[in-house]
N, C-alpha and C. Protein backbone atom coordinates (compact mmCIF):
# COMPACT_ATOMS: atom_id res chain seq x y z
N MET A 1 21.13 -53.66 55.00
CA MET A 1 21.55 -52.28 54.87
C MET A 1 20.37 -51.46 54.33
N SER A 2 20.06 -50.36 54.98
CA SER A 2 18.92 -49.54 54.59
C SER A 2 19.38 -48.30 53.84
N ASP A 3 18.64 -47.96 52.78
CA ASP A 3 18.95 -46.74 52.03
C ASP A 3 17.91 -45.65 52.31
N GLY A 4 17.10 -45.82 53.36
CA GLY A 4 16.12 -44.82 53.74
C GLY A 4 14.73 -45.03 53.17
N ARG A 5 14.59 -45.99 52.26
CA ARG A 5 13.27 -46.27 51.68
C ARG A 5 12.55 -47.30 52.54
N PRO A 6 11.22 -47.27 52.50
CA PRO A 6 10.46 -48.30 53.23
C PRO A 6 10.80 -49.69 52.69
N ALA A 7 10.70 -50.68 53.56
CA ALA A 7 10.96 -52.06 53.15
C ALA A 7 10.07 -52.42 51.98
N GLY A 8 10.64 -53.01 50.96
CA GLY A 8 9.88 -53.44 49.79
C GLY A 8 9.72 -52.37 48.73
N ALA A 9 10.17 -51.14 49.00
CA ALA A 9 10.05 -50.07 48.01
C ALA A 9 11.03 -50.30 46.88
N LEU A 10 10.61 -50.01 45.67
CA LEU A 10 11.48 -50.16 44.51
C LEU A 10 12.23 -48.87 44.26
N SER A 11 13.42 -48.99 43.75
CA SER A 11 14.16 -47.78 43.39
C SER A 11 13.54 -47.18 42.14
N SER A 12 13.69 -45.87 41.99
CA SER A 12 13.09 -45.21 40.83
C SER A 12 13.67 -45.72 39.52
N SER A 13 14.88 -46.22 39.54
CA SER A 13 15.48 -46.74 38.31
C SER A 13 14.89 -48.10 37.93
N ALA A 14 14.23 -48.77 38.88
CA ALA A 14 13.67 -50.08 38.61
C ALA A 14 12.21 -50.01 38.14
N VAL A 15 11.62 -48.83 38.19
CA VAL A 15 10.21 -48.68 37.86
C VAL A 15 10.05 -47.83 36.61
N SER A 16 9.28 -48.33 35.68
CA SER A 16 8.98 -47.58 34.46
C SER A 16 7.47 -47.44 34.36
N LEU A 17 6.98 -46.24 34.56
CA LEU A 17 5.54 -46.00 34.52
C LEU A 17 5.15 -45.46 33.15
N ASN A 18 4.06 -46.00 32.62
CA ASN A 18 3.54 -45.46 31.37
C ASN A 18 2.05 -45.19 31.46
N THR A 19 1.49 -45.33 32.65
CA THR A 19 0.06 -45.10 32.85
C THR A 19 -0.15 -44.37 34.17
N VAL A 20 -1.02 -43.38 34.14
CA VAL A 20 -1.44 -42.69 35.35
C VAL A 20 -2.96 -42.67 35.33
N ILE A 21 -3.58 -42.99 36.45
CA ILE A 21 -5.04 -42.99 36.55
C ILE A 21 -5.44 -41.87 37.50
N PHE A 22 -6.34 -41.01 37.03
CA PHE A 22 -6.83 -39.91 37.85
C PHE A 22 -8.29 -40.15 38.19
N ASP A 23 -8.66 -39.81 39.41
CA ASP A 23 -10.07 -39.74 39.78
C ASP A 23 -10.63 -38.50 39.07
N LEU A 24 -11.85 -38.58 38.61
CA LEU A 24 -12.43 -37.44 37.90
C LEU A 24 -13.05 -36.42 38.86
N GLY A 25 -14.12 -36.82 39.56
CA GLY A 25 -14.84 -35.89 40.42
C GLY A 25 -14.01 -35.40 41.59
N GLY A 26 -13.69 -34.12 41.59
CA GLY A 26 -12.91 -33.53 42.66
C GLY A 26 -11.42 -33.48 42.38
N VAL A 27 -10.97 -34.11 41.31
CA VAL A 27 -9.56 -34.08 40.95
C VAL A 27 -9.41 -33.43 39.57
N VAL A 28 -9.78 -34.13 38.52
CA VAL A 28 -9.71 -33.55 37.18
C VAL A 28 -10.86 -32.56 36.98
N LEU A 29 -12.01 -32.90 37.50
CA LEU A 29 -13.19 -32.03 37.43
C LEU A 29 -13.47 -31.46 38.81
N GLY A 30 -14.21 -30.37 38.85
CA GLY A 30 -14.62 -29.83 40.14
C GLY A 30 -15.45 -30.85 40.91
N SER A 31 -15.46 -30.71 42.22
CA SER A 31 -16.19 -31.66 43.06
C SER A 31 -17.70 -31.48 42.94
N PRO A 32 -18.42 -32.59 42.81
CA PRO A 32 -19.88 -32.50 42.76
C PRO A 32 -20.52 -32.34 44.13
N LEU A 33 -19.73 -32.46 45.19
CA LEU A 33 -20.30 -32.49 46.54
C LEU A 33 -21.06 -31.22 46.91
N HIS A 34 -20.57 -30.06 46.47
CA HIS A 34 -21.26 -28.81 46.80
C HIS A 34 -22.64 -28.77 46.15
N ALA A 35 -22.72 -29.23 44.92
CA ALA A 35 -24.01 -29.24 44.22
C ALA A 35 -24.98 -30.22 44.89
N ILE A 36 -24.47 -31.35 45.31
CA ILE A 36 -25.31 -32.34 45.99
C ILE A 36 -25.82 -31.77 47.31
N ARG A 37 -24.93 -31.13 48.07
CA ARG A 37 -25.33 -30.54 49.36
C ARG A 37 -26.39 -29.45 49.16
N GLN A 38 -26.22 -28.64 48.12
CA GLN A 38 -27.20 -27.59 47.86
C GLN A 38 -28.55 -28.19 47.49
N TYR A 39 -28.54 -29.23 46.70
CA TYR A 39 -29.79 -29.90 46.33
C TYR A 39 -30.47 -30.45 47.59
N GLU A 40 -29.68 -31.03 48.49
CA GLU A 40 -30.24 -31.52 49.75
C GLU A 40 -30.89 -30.37 50.53
N ARG A 41 -30.19 -29.24 50.63
CA ARG A 41 -30.75 -28.08 51.35
C ARG A 41 -32.03 -27.60 50.68
N ASP A 42 -32.00 -27.51 49.36
CA ASP A 42 -33.18 -27.03 48.63
C ASP A 42 -34.39 -27.95 48.84
N GLN A 43 -34.14 -29.22 49.03
CA GLN A 43 -35.22 -30.19 49.24
C GLN A 43 -35.47 -30.45 50.72
N GLN A 44 -34.78 -29.70 51.58
CA GLN A 44 -34.91 -29.83 53.04
C GLN A 44 -34.62 -31.25 53.51
N LEU A 45 -33.58 -31.82 52.94
CA LEU A 45 -33.13 -33.15 53.33
C LEU A 45 -31.97 -33.03 54.30
N PRO A 46 -31.78 -34.02 55.15
CA PRO A 46 -30.61 -34.00 56.03
C PRO A 46 -29.31 -34.02 55.20
N VAL A 47 -28.29 -33.37 55.72
CA VAL A 47 -26.99 -33.38 55.06
C VAL A 47 -26.53 -34.83 54.90
N GLY A 48 -26.11 -35.18 53.71
CA GLY A 48 -25.61 -36.53 53.45
C GLY A 48 -26.67 -37.53 53.02
N ALA A 49 -27.92 -37.09 52.92
CA ALA A 49 -29.00 -38.03 52.57
C ALA A 49 -28.78 -38.66 51.20
N VAL A 50 -28.33 -37.88 50.23
CA VAL A 50 -28.12 -38.41 48.88
C VAL A 50 -26.98 -39.42 48.89
N GLY A 51 -25.88 -39.08 49.53
CA GLY A 51 -24.75 -40.00 49.62
C GLY A 51 -25.11 -41.29 50.33
N ARG A 52 -25.88 -41.19 51.40
CA ARG A 52 -26.30 -42.40 52.12
C ARG A 52 -27.17 -43.27 51.22
N HIS A 53 -28.04 -42.63 50.44
CA HIS A 53 -28.88 -43.39 49.52
C HIS A 53 -28.03 -44.11 48.48
N ILE A 54 -27.07 -43.40 47.90
CA ILE A 54 -26.19 -43.99 46.88
C ILE A 54 -25.41 -45.16 47.48
N ASN A 55 -24.86 -44.96 48.67
CA ASN A 55 -24.10 -46.04 49.32
C ASN A 55 -24.99 -47.24 49.64
N ALA A 56 -26.20 -46.97 50.13
CA ALA A 56 -27.11 -48.06 50.49
C ALA A 56 -27.54 -48.85 49.26
N SER A 57 -27.56 -48.21 48.10
CA SER A 57 -27.95 -48.89 46.86
C SER A 57 -26.90 -49.88 46.40
N GLY A 58 -25.67 -49.67 46.84
CA GLY A 58 -24.60 -50.62 46.54
C GLY A 58 -24.26 -50.75 45.07
N SER A 59 -23.64 -51.85 44.73
CA SER A 59 -23.14 -52.06 43.36
C SER A 59 -24.26 -52.30 42.35
N THR A 60 -25.45 -52.61 42.83
CA THR A 60 -26.57 -52.81 41.90
C THR A 60 -27.43 -51.56 41.74
N GLY A 61 -27.09 -50.51 42.49
CA GLY A 61 -27.85 -49.26 42.42
C GLY A 61 -27.56 -48.50 41.14
N ALA A 62 -28.45 -47.58 40.83
CA ALA A 62 -28.35 -46.81 39.59
C ALA A 62 -27.05 -46.02 39.52
N TRP A 63 -26.63 -45.42 40.62
CA TRP A 63 -25.40 -44.61 40.61
C TRP A 63 -24.19 -45.46 40.25
N SER A 64 -24.07 -46.59 40.91
CA SER A 64 -22.95 -47.50 40.63
C SER A 64 -22.99 -48.00 39.19
N ARG A 65 -24.16 -48.34 38.72
CA ARG A 65 -24.29 -48.85 37.35
C ARG A 65 -23.97 -47.77 36.32
N LEU A 66 -24.29 -46.51 36.64
CA LEU A 66 -23.90 -45.41 35.76
C LEU A 66 -22.38 -45.26 35.73
N GLU A 67 -21.77 -45.26 36.91
CA GLU A 67 -20.31 -45.13 37.00
C GLU A 67 -19.58 -46.25 36.27
N CYS A 68 -20.17 -47.42 36.25
CA CYS A 68 -19.54 -48.58 35.58
C CYS A 68 -19.87 -48.63 34.09
N GLY A 69 -20.65 -47.68 33.61
CA GLY A 69 -20.98 -47.66 32.19
C GLY A 69 -22.08 -48.63 31.80
N GLU A 70 -22.79 -49.16 32.78
CA GLU A 70 -23.86 -50.11 32.51
C GLU A 70 -25.17 -49.42 32.12
N LEU A 71 -25.30 -48.14 32.47
CA LEU A 71 -26.51 -47.37 32.15
C LEU A 71 -26.11 -46.10 31.41
N ASP A 72 -26.92 -45.71 30.42
CA ASP A 72 -26.73 -44.38 29.85
C ASP A 72 -27.49 -43.41 30.76
N LEU A 73 -27.39 -42.12 30.46
CA LEU A 73 -27.98 -41.12 31.35
C LEU A 73 -29.49 -41.26 31.48
N LYS A 74 -30.16 -41.55 30.38
CA LYS A 74 -31.62 -41.70 30.43
C LYS A 74 -32.01 -42.88 31.32
N ALA A 75 -31.36 -44.02 31.12
CA ALA A 75 -31.66 -45.20 31.93
C ALA A 75 -31.30 -44.97 33.39
N PHE A 76 -30.19 -44.25 33.63
CA PHE A 76 -29.82 -43.91 35.00
C PHE A 76 -30.92 -43.11 35.67
N CYS A 77 -31.39 -42.06 34.99
CA CYS A 77 -32.41 -41.20 35.58
C CYS A 77 -33.67 -41.99 35.93
N GLU A 78 -34.08 -42.87 35.04
CA GLU A 78 -35.27 -43.69 35.31
C GLU A 78 -35.05 -44.59 36.53
N ALA A 79 -33.90 -45.26 36.58
CA ALA A 79 -33.61 -46.17 37.69
C ALA A 79 -33.41 -45.40 39.00
N PHE A 80 -32.67 -44.30 38.93
CA PHE A 80 -32.41 -43.50 40.13
C PHE A 80 -33.70 -42.91 40.68
N ASP A 81 -34.55 -42.42 39.78
CA ASP A 81 -35.83 -41.86 40.22
C ASP A 81 -36.67 -42.92 40.93
N ALA A 82 -36.70 -44.13 40.40
CA ALA A 82 -37.45 -45.21 41.03
C ALA A 82 -36.88 -45.53 42.41
N GLU A 83 -35.56 -45.57 42.52
CA GLU A 83 -34.92 -45.82 43.82
C GLU A 83 -35.28 -44.72 44.81
N CYS A 84 -35.23 -43.48 44.36
CA CYS A 84 -35.51 -42.36 45.25
C CYS A 84 -36.97 -42.36 45.70
N ARG A 85 -37.87 -42.67 44.78
CA ARG A 85 -39.29 -42.76 45.17
C ARG A 85 -39.47 -43.84 46.23
N ALA A 86 -38.83 -44.99 46.03
CA ALA A 86 -38.94 -46.09 47.00
C ALA A 86 -38.37 -45.71 48.36
N ALA A 87 -37.37 -44.82 48.35
CA ALA A 87 -36.73 -44.39 49.60
C ALA A 87 -37.34 -43.09 50.14
N SER A 88 -38.43 -42.63 49.52
CA SER A 88 -39.10 -41.37 49.90
C SER A 88 -38.16 -40.17 49.85
N LEU A 89 -37.26 -40.16 48.88
CA LEU A 89 -36.38 -39.01 48.66
C LEU A 89 -36.96 -38.16 47.54
N PRO A 90 -37.26 -36.89 47.81
CA PRO A 90 -37.88 -36.03 46.79
C PRO A 90 -36.86 -35.42 45.83
N ILE A 91 -36.08 -36.26 45.17
CA ILE A 91 -35.08 -35.78 44.21
C ILE A 91 -35.18 -36.60 42.93
N THR A 92 -34.63 -36.05 41.86
CA THR A 92 -34.62 -36.77 40.59
C THR A 92 -33.20 -36.85 40.06
N GLY A 93 -32.94 -37.89 39.31
CA GLY A 93 -31.63 -38.06 38.69
C GLY A 93 -31.34 -36.94 37.71
N ARG A 94 -32.34 -36.53 36.97
CA ARG A 94 -32.14 -35.46 35.98
C ARG A 94 -31.70 -34.16 36.65
N GLU A 95 -32.39 -33.77 37.70
CA GLU A 95 -32.04 -32.52 38.39
C GLU A 95 -30.69 -32.65 39.09
N LEU A 96 -30.43 -33.79 39.68
CA LEU A 96 -29.14 -33.99 40.34
C LEU A 96 -28.00 -33.87 39.33
N MET A 97 -28.13 -34.51 38.18
CA MET A 97 -27.09 -34.45 37.16
C MET A 97 -26.97 -33.05 36.55
N ARG A 98 -28.08 -32.35 36.43
CA ARG A 98 -28.03 -30.98 35.92
C ARG A 98 -27.20 -30.10 36.86
N ARG A 99 -27.45 -30.24 38.14
CA ARG A 99 -26.71 -29.45 39.13
C ARG A 99 -25.23 -29.84 39.17
N ILE A 100 -24.97 -31.13 39.12
CA ILE A 100 -23.58 -31.60 39.12
C ILE A 100 -22.86 -31.12 37.87
N GLY A 101 -23.55 -31.18 36.74
CA GLY A 101 -22.94 -30.76 35.48
C GLY A 101 -22.52 -29.30 35.46
N ARG A 102 -23.22 -28.47 36.21
CA ARG A 102 -22.86 -27.05 36.26
C ARG A 102 -21.56 -26.81 37.01
N VAL A 103 -21.22 -27.67 37.95
CA VAL A 103 -20.03 -27.41 38.79
C VAL A 103 -18.85 -28.31 38.47
N THR A 104 -19.06 -29.34 37.70
CA THR A 104 -17.96 -30.27 37.43
C THR A 104 -17.26 -29.95 36.12
N GLN A 105 -16.76 -28.74 36.04
CA GLN A 105 -16.00 -28.32 34.87
C GLN A 105 -14.54 -28.75 35.05
N PRO A 106 -13.85 -29.04 33.96
CA PRO A 106 -12.44 -29.44 34.06
C PRO A 106 -11.60 -28.35 34.74
N ARG A 107 -10.68 -28.78 35.59
CA ARG A 107 -9.77 -27.86 36.26
C ARG A 107 -8.56 -27.63 35.35
N ALA A 108 -8.33 -26.36 35.04
CA ALA A 108 -7.27 -26.00 34.09
C ALA A 108 -5.91 -26.55 34.52
N GLU A 109 -5.61 -26.49 35.81
CA GLU A 109 -4.30 -26.97 36.28
C GLU A 109 -4.15 -28.48 36.09
N MET A 110 -5.25 -29.21 36.19
CA MET A 110 -5.18 -30.66 35.98
C MET A 110 -5.06 -30.98 34.49
N LEU A 111 -5.74 -30.22 33.65
CA LEU A 111 -5.60 -30.44 32.21
C LEU A 111 -4.16 -30.18 31.77
N GLU A 112 -3.53 -29.17 32.36
CA GLU A 112 -2.12 -28.89 32.06
C GLU A 112 -1.23 -30.03 32.54
N ALA A 113 -1.49 -30.54 33.73
CA ALA A 113 -0.70 -31.66 34.26
C ALA A 113 -0.84 -32.88 33.36
N ILE A 114 -2.04 -33.15 32.92
CA ILE A 114 -2.27 -34.30 32.03
C ILE A 114 -1.54 -34.10 30.71
N ALA A 115 -1.59 -32.89 30.19
CA ALA A 115 -0.89 -32.59 28.93
C ALA A 115 0.61 -32.80 29.09
N ARG A 116 1.16 -32.39 30.22
CA ARG A 116 2.60 -32.58 30.48
C ARG A 116 2.95 -34.06 30.55
N LEU A 117 2.10 -34.83 31.18
CA LEU A 117 2.37 -36.26 31.30
C LEU A 117 2.33 -36.96 29.95
N ARG A 118 1.52 -36.46 29.06
CA ARG A 118 1.40 -37.07 27.73
C ARG A 118 2.62 -36.81 26.85
N ARG A 119 3.36 -35.78 27.16
CA ARG A 119 4.51 -35.41 26.32
C ARG A 119 5.62 -36.40 26.43
């Protein structure tokens, strides 16, 4: 007998949630993508060059290690700069983070939603 829910779905009375996880960039904070794209344009790089570099660096790259808390900002900038030099990308971690920091301000509506969930 079906009650309209997908197979395997739990009823709301059977689930008790006490944790919500939010993505930061683009959800709780403004998206860094516009700042990254502008930096690419300013350096006359192809669109997506920074993202491709970050993806190609994988889990051992400076960006991933920063996201995982393995590097502080200073160590990230040093490692990222070395990676970029090796890839002939004329960008620096410091400038990239400066630009991202200007646009990734908390979104008021998300802060309100988080506050409501905490109540």
